[in-house]
């Protein structure tokens, strides 16, 4: 037997009527409709938080930077050196 949890929400009568109508159009109960819609929205939101979408121009710039990275700047070389020193001093 699958365990379930209960979720309650207070909504306006207008929203309740809207949900009921949408559920009827899908031939489902209001509960089934709401659970499905909420699940889809949650999955979409989680995907948005984990997936980086780049424009075509940004994709090209990203690939170019990986395939042909610029020379390290003086500040970056100093940061590398400081990192090496920190690692060596922690041994």
N, C-alpha and C. Protein backbone atom coordinates (compact mmCIF):
# COMPACT_ATOMS: atom_id res chain seq x y z
N UNK A 1 0.84 -1.19 0.00
CA UNK A 1 0.00 0.00 0.00
C UNK A 1 0.89 1.25 0.00
N UNK A 2 0.59 2.18 -0.87
CA UNK A 2 1.34 3.42 -0.96
C UNK A 2 0.86 4.39 0.11
N UNK A 3 1.84 4.95 0.84
CA UNK A 3 1.49 5.95 1.85
C UNK A 3 1.22 7.28 1.14
N UNK A 4 0.31 8.03 1.70
CA UNK A 4 -0.01 9.34 1.15
C UNK A 4 0.04 10.37 2.27
N UNK A 5 0.15 11.62 1.88
CA UNK A 5 0.12 12.72 2.84
C UNK A 5 -0.99 13.67 2.41
N UNK A 6 -1.52 14.36 3.37
CA UNK A 6 -2.62 15.27 3.08
C UNK A 6 -2.07 16.69 2.95
N UNK A 7 -2.59 17.43 2.01
CA UNK A 7 -2.22 18.82 1.78
C UNK A 7 -3.49 19.64 1.73
N UNK A 8 -3.54 20.69 2.50
CA UNK A 8 -4.73 21.55 2.51
C UNK A 8 -4.34 22.96 2.11
N UNK A 9 -5.26 23.63 1.45
CA UNK A 9 -5.04 25.02 1.06
C UNK A 9 -6.37 25.74 1.05
N UNK A 10 -6.34 26.98 1.46
CA UNK A 10 -7.55 27.80 1.39
C UNK A 10 -7.50 28.58 0.08
N UNK A 11 -8.58 28.50 -0.67
CA UNK A 11 -8.65 29.19 -1.95
C UNK A 11 -9.97 29.94 -2.06
N UNK A 12 -10.01 30.87 -2.98
CA UNK A 12 -11.24 31.65 -3.18
C UNK A 12 -12.26 30.79 -3.91
N UNK A 13 -13.51 31.13 -3.77
CA UNK A 13 -14.54 30.40 -4.53
C UNK A 13 -14.32 30.48 -6.04
N UNK A 14 -13.83 31.62 -6.51
CA UNK A 14 -13.55 31.75 -7.95
C UNK A 14 -12.47 30.76 -8.40
N UNK A 15 -11.43 30.63 -7.61
CA UNK A 15 -10.37 29.68 -7.96
C UNK A 15 -10.89 28.25 -7.88
N UNK A 16 -11.71 27.97 -6.91
CA UNK A 16 -12.29 26.63 -6.79
C UNK A 16 -13.12 26.30 -8.04
N UNK A 17 -13.90 27.26 -8.50
CA UNK A 17 -14.72 27.04 -9.70
C UNK A 17 -13.82 26.85 -10.92
N UNK A 18 -12.75 27.61 -11.01
CA UNK A 18 -11.82 27.48 -12.12
C UNK A 18 -11.18 26.09 -12.13
N UNK A 19 -10.73 25.64 -10.96
CA UNK A 19 -10.11 24.32 -10.86
C UNK A 19 -11.10 23.21 -11.19
N UNK A 20 -12.33 23.36 -10.71
CA UNK A 20 -13.36 22.36 -10.99
C UNK A 20 -13.63 22.28 -12.48
N UNK A 21 -13.72 23.42 -13.15
CA UNK A 21 -13.98 23.45 -14.58
C UNK A 21 -12.83 22.81 -15.36
N UNK A 22 -11.61 23.14 -14.98
CA UNK A 22 -10.44 22.57 -15.66
C UNK A 22 -10.38 21.06 -15.45
N UNK A 23 -10.67 20.61 -14.25
CA UNK A 23 -10.68 19.17 -13.97
C UNK A 23 -11.74 18.47 -14.80
N UNK A 24 -12.92 19.08 -14.91
CA UNK A 24 -13.99 18.50 -15.73
C UNK A 24 -13.57 18.37 -17.18
N UNK A 25 -12.88 19.38 -17.69
CA UNK A 25 -12.42 19.34 -19.08
C UNK A 25 -11.44 18.18 -19.31
N UNK A 26 -10.65 17.85 -18.28
CA UNK A 26 -9.71 16.73 -18.37
C UNK A 26 -10.35 15.40 -18.00
N UNK A 27 -11.59 15.44 -17.52
CA UNK A 27 -12.26 14.22 -17.11
C UNK A 27 -11.66 13.62 -15.85
N UNK A 28 -11.19 14.48 -14.96
CA UNK A 28 -10.57 14.01 -13.72
C UNK A 28 -11.22 14.68 -12.52
N UNK A 29 -10.93 14.13 -11.37
CA UNK A 29 -11.41 14.77 -10.15
C UNK A 29 -10.58 16.03 -9.90
N UNK A 30 -11.12 16.92 -9.10
CA UNK A 30 -10.39 18.14 -8.76
C UNK A 30 -9.08 17.78 -8.07
N UNK A 31 -9.13 16.80 -7.16
CA UNK A 31 -7.90 16.39 -6.46
C UNK A 31 -6.85 15.88 -7.43
N UNK A 32 -7.26 15.01 -8.35
CA UNK A 32 -6.31 14.49 -9.34
C UNK A 32 -5.74 15.61 -10.20
N UNK A 33 -6.60 16.52 -10.61
CA UNK A 33 -6.15 17.64 -11.44
C UNK A 33 -5.13 18.50 -10.69
N UNK A 34 -5.44 18.82 -9.44
CA UNK A 34 -4.55 19.67 -8.64
C UNK A 34 -3.22 18.98 -8.40
N UNK A 35 -3.26 17.71 -8.01
CA UNK A 35 -2.01 16.98 -7.74
C UNK A 35 -1.14 16.95 -9.00
N UNK A 36 -1.75 16.66 -10.15
CA UNK A 36 -1.01 16.62 -11.40
C UNK A 36 -0.41 17.98 -11.74
N UNK A 37 -1.20 19.03 -11.63
CA UNK A 37 -0.75 20.38 -11.97
C UNK A 37 0.36 20.84 -11.03
N UNK A 38 0.22 20.55 -9.76
CA UNK A 38 1.23 20.95 -8.78
C UNK A 38 2.53 20.17 -9.01
N UNK A 39 2.42 18.89 -9.31
CA UNK A 39 3.60 18.08 -9.58
C UNK A 39 4.35 18.61 -10.81
N UNK A 40 3.61 18.90 -11.87
CA UNK A 40 4.24 19.44 -13.09
C UNK A 40 4.94 20.77 -12.80
N UNK A 41 4.28 21.64 -12.04
CA UNK A 41 4.86 22.94 -11.71
C UNK A 41 6.11 22.77 -10.85
N UNK A 42 6.08 21.86 -9.89
CA UNK A 42 7.24 21.63 -9.02
C UNK A 42 8.42 21.07 -9.82
N UNK A 43 8.15 20.10 -10.68
CA UNK A 43 9.22 19.52 -11.50
C UNK A 43 9.82 20.57 -12.43
N UNK A 44 8.97 21.40 -13.03
CA UNK A 44 9.43 22.46 -13.92
C UNK A 44 10.30 23.46 -13.16
N UNK A 45 9.88 23.83 -11.95
CA UNK A 45 10.64 24.79 -11.15
C UNK A 45 12.00 24.24 -10.74
N UNK A 46 12.03 22.97 -10.36
CA UNK A 46 13.28 22.34 -9.97
C UNK A 46 14.22 22.26 -11.17
N UNK A 47 13.69 21.91 -12.33
CA UNK A 47 14.51 21.87 -13.54
C UNK A 47 15.08 23.26 -13.84
N UNK A 48 14.26 24.29 -13.70
CA UNK A 48 14.73 25.66 -13.95
C UNK A 48 15.88 26.03 -13.03
N UNK A 49 15.84 25.52 -11.81
CA UNK A 49 16.89 25.84 -10.84
C UNK A 49 18.18 25.09 -11.13
N UNK A 50 18.10 23.98 -11.87
CA UNK A 50 19.27 23.14 -12.10
C UNK A 50 19.81 23.20 -13.53
N UNK A 51 19.06 23.76 -14.44
CA UNK A 51 19.48 23.79 -15.83
C UNK A 51 19.78 25.23 -16.22
N UNK A 52 20.94 25.42 -16.78
CA UNK A 52 21.33 26.75 -17.26
C UNK A 52 21.01 26.80 -18.75
N UNK A 53 20.21 27.76 -19.13
CA UNK A 53 19.86 27.92 -20.54
C UNK A 53 20.61 29.13 -21.09
N UNK A 54 21.29 28.91 -22.19
CA UNK A 54 22.07 29.97 -22.81
C UNK A 54 21.53 30.29 -24.20
N UNK A 55 21.64 31.55 -24.56
CA UNK A 55 21.29 31.93 -25.93
C UNK A 55 22.33 31.30 -26.86
N UNK A 56 22.04 31.28 -28.14
CA UNK A 56 22.98 30.72 -29.11
C UNK A 56 24.32 31.46 -29.04
N UNK A 57 24.27 32.76 -28.91
CA UNK A 57 25.49 33.56 -28.82
C UNK A 57 26.28 33.19 -27.56
N UNK A 58 25.59 33.03 -26.44
CA UNK A 58 26.26 32.65 -25.20
C UNK A 58 26.83 31.23 -25.28
N UNK A 59 26.12 30.32 -25.97
CA UNK A 59 26.63 28.96 -26.15
C UNK A 59 27.94 28.99 -26.93
N UNK A 60 27.98 29.78 -27.99
CA UNK A 60 29.20 29.88 -28.79
C UNK A 60 30.35 30.46 -27.97
N UNK A 61 30.08 31.50 -27.19
CA UNK A 61 31.12 32.11 -26.37
C UNK A 61 31.64 31.12 -25.33
N UNK A 62 30.75 30.34 -24.74
CA UNK A 62 31.13 29.34 -23.74
C UNK A 62 32.04 28.29 -24.37
N UNK A 63 31.64 27.75 -25.51
CA UNK A 63 32.44 26.72 -26.19
C UNK A 63 33.79 27.29 -26.60
N UNK A 64 33.79 28.50 -27.13
CA UNK A 64 35.05 29.14 -27.54
C UNK A 64 35.99 29.31 -26.35
N UNK A 65 35.45 29.70 -25.20
CA UNK A 65 36.27 29.89 -24.01
C UNK A 65 36.87 28.56 -23.53
N UNK A 66 36.13 27.48 -23.71
CA UNK A 66 36.64 26.17 -23.31
C UNK A 66 37.69 25.67 -24.31
N UNK A 67 37.39 25.81 -25.60
CA UNK A 67 38.29 25.29 -26.62
C UNK A 67 39.53 26.16 -26.82
N UNK A 68 39.39 27.45 -26.59
CA UNK A 68 40.51 28.37 -26.78
C UNK A 68 40.51 29.41 -25.66
N UNK A 69 40.88 28.95 -24.44
CA UNK A 69 40.80 29.87 -23.30
C UNK A 69 41.81 31.01 -23.42
N UNK A 70 41.46 32.17 -22.88
CA UNK A 70 42.40 33.29 -22.92
C UNK A 70 43.57 33.02 -21.97
N UNK A 71 44.67 33.72 -22.18
CA UNK A 71 45.82 33.60 -21.29
C UNK A 71 45.43 34.12 -19.90
N UNK A 72 45.96 33.49 -18.85
CA UNK A 72 45.63 33.98 -17.50
C UNK A 72 46.13 35.41 -17.29
N UNK A 73 45.34 36.20 -16.62
CA UNK A 73 45.75 37.57 -16.31
C UNK A 73 46.72 37.53 -15.14
N UNK A 74 47.34 38.66 -14.87
CA UNK A 74 48.28 38.75 -13.75
C UNK A 74 47.56 38.43 -12.43
N UNK A 75 46.34 38.91 -12.29
CA UNK A 75 45.59 38.66 -11.06
C UNK A 75 45.29 37.17 -10.91
N UNK A 76 44.98 36.51 -11.99
CA UNK A 76 44.70 35.08 -11.93
C UNK A 76 45.97 34.29 -11.60
N UNK A 77 47.11 34.70 -12.19
CA UNK A 77 48.38 34.03 -11.86
C UNK A 77 48.71 34.20 -10.39
N UNK A 78 48.47 35.39 -9.84
CA UNK A 78 48.71 35.62 -8.40
C UNK A 78 47.79 34.74 -7.56
N UNK A 79 46.55 34.60 -7.98
CA UNK A 79 45.60 33.76 -7.25
C UNK A 79 46.05 32.30 -7.28
N UNK A 80 46.52 31.82 -8.44
CA UNK A 80 47.05 30.45 -8.53
C UNK A 80 48.22 30.27 -7.56
N UNK A 81 49.12 31.24 -7.55
CA UNK A 81 50.29 31.16 -6.67
C UNK A 81 49.87 31.14 -5.21
N UNK A 82 48.95 31.99 -4.85
CA UNK A 82 48.46 32.04 -3.45
C UNK A 82 47.78 30.72 -3.09
N UNK A 83 47.04 30.15 -4.01
CA UNK A 83 46.39 28.86 -3.77
C UNK A 83 47.44 27.78 -3.54
N UNK A 84 48.47 27.74 -4.39
CA UNK A 84 49.55 26.76 -4.20
C UNK A 84 50.20 26.92 -2.83
N UNK A 85 50.44 28.17 -2.43
CA UNK A 85 51.07 28.42 -1.13
C UNK A 85 50.17 27.95 0.02
N UNK A 86 48.88 28.20 -0.09
CA UNK A 86 47.96 27.77 0.95
C UNK A 86 47.91 26.25 1.04
N UNK A 87 47.90 25.59 -0.10
CA UNK A 87 47.85 24.12 -0.11
C UNK A 87 49.13 23.56 0.50
N UNK A 88 50.27 24.10 0.11
CA UNK A 88 51.55 23.62 0.64
C UNK A 88 51.66 23.86 2.15
N UNK A 89 51.17 24.98 2.62
CA UNK A 89 51.28 25.29 4.05
C UNK A 89 50.31 24.45 4.89
N UNK A 90 49.30 23.88 4.25
CA UNK A 90 48.33 23.08 5.01
C UNK A 90 48.75 21.61 5.10
N UNK A 91 49.82 21.23 4.41
CA UNK A 91 50.27 19.82 4.44
C UNK A 91 51.04 19.51 5.68
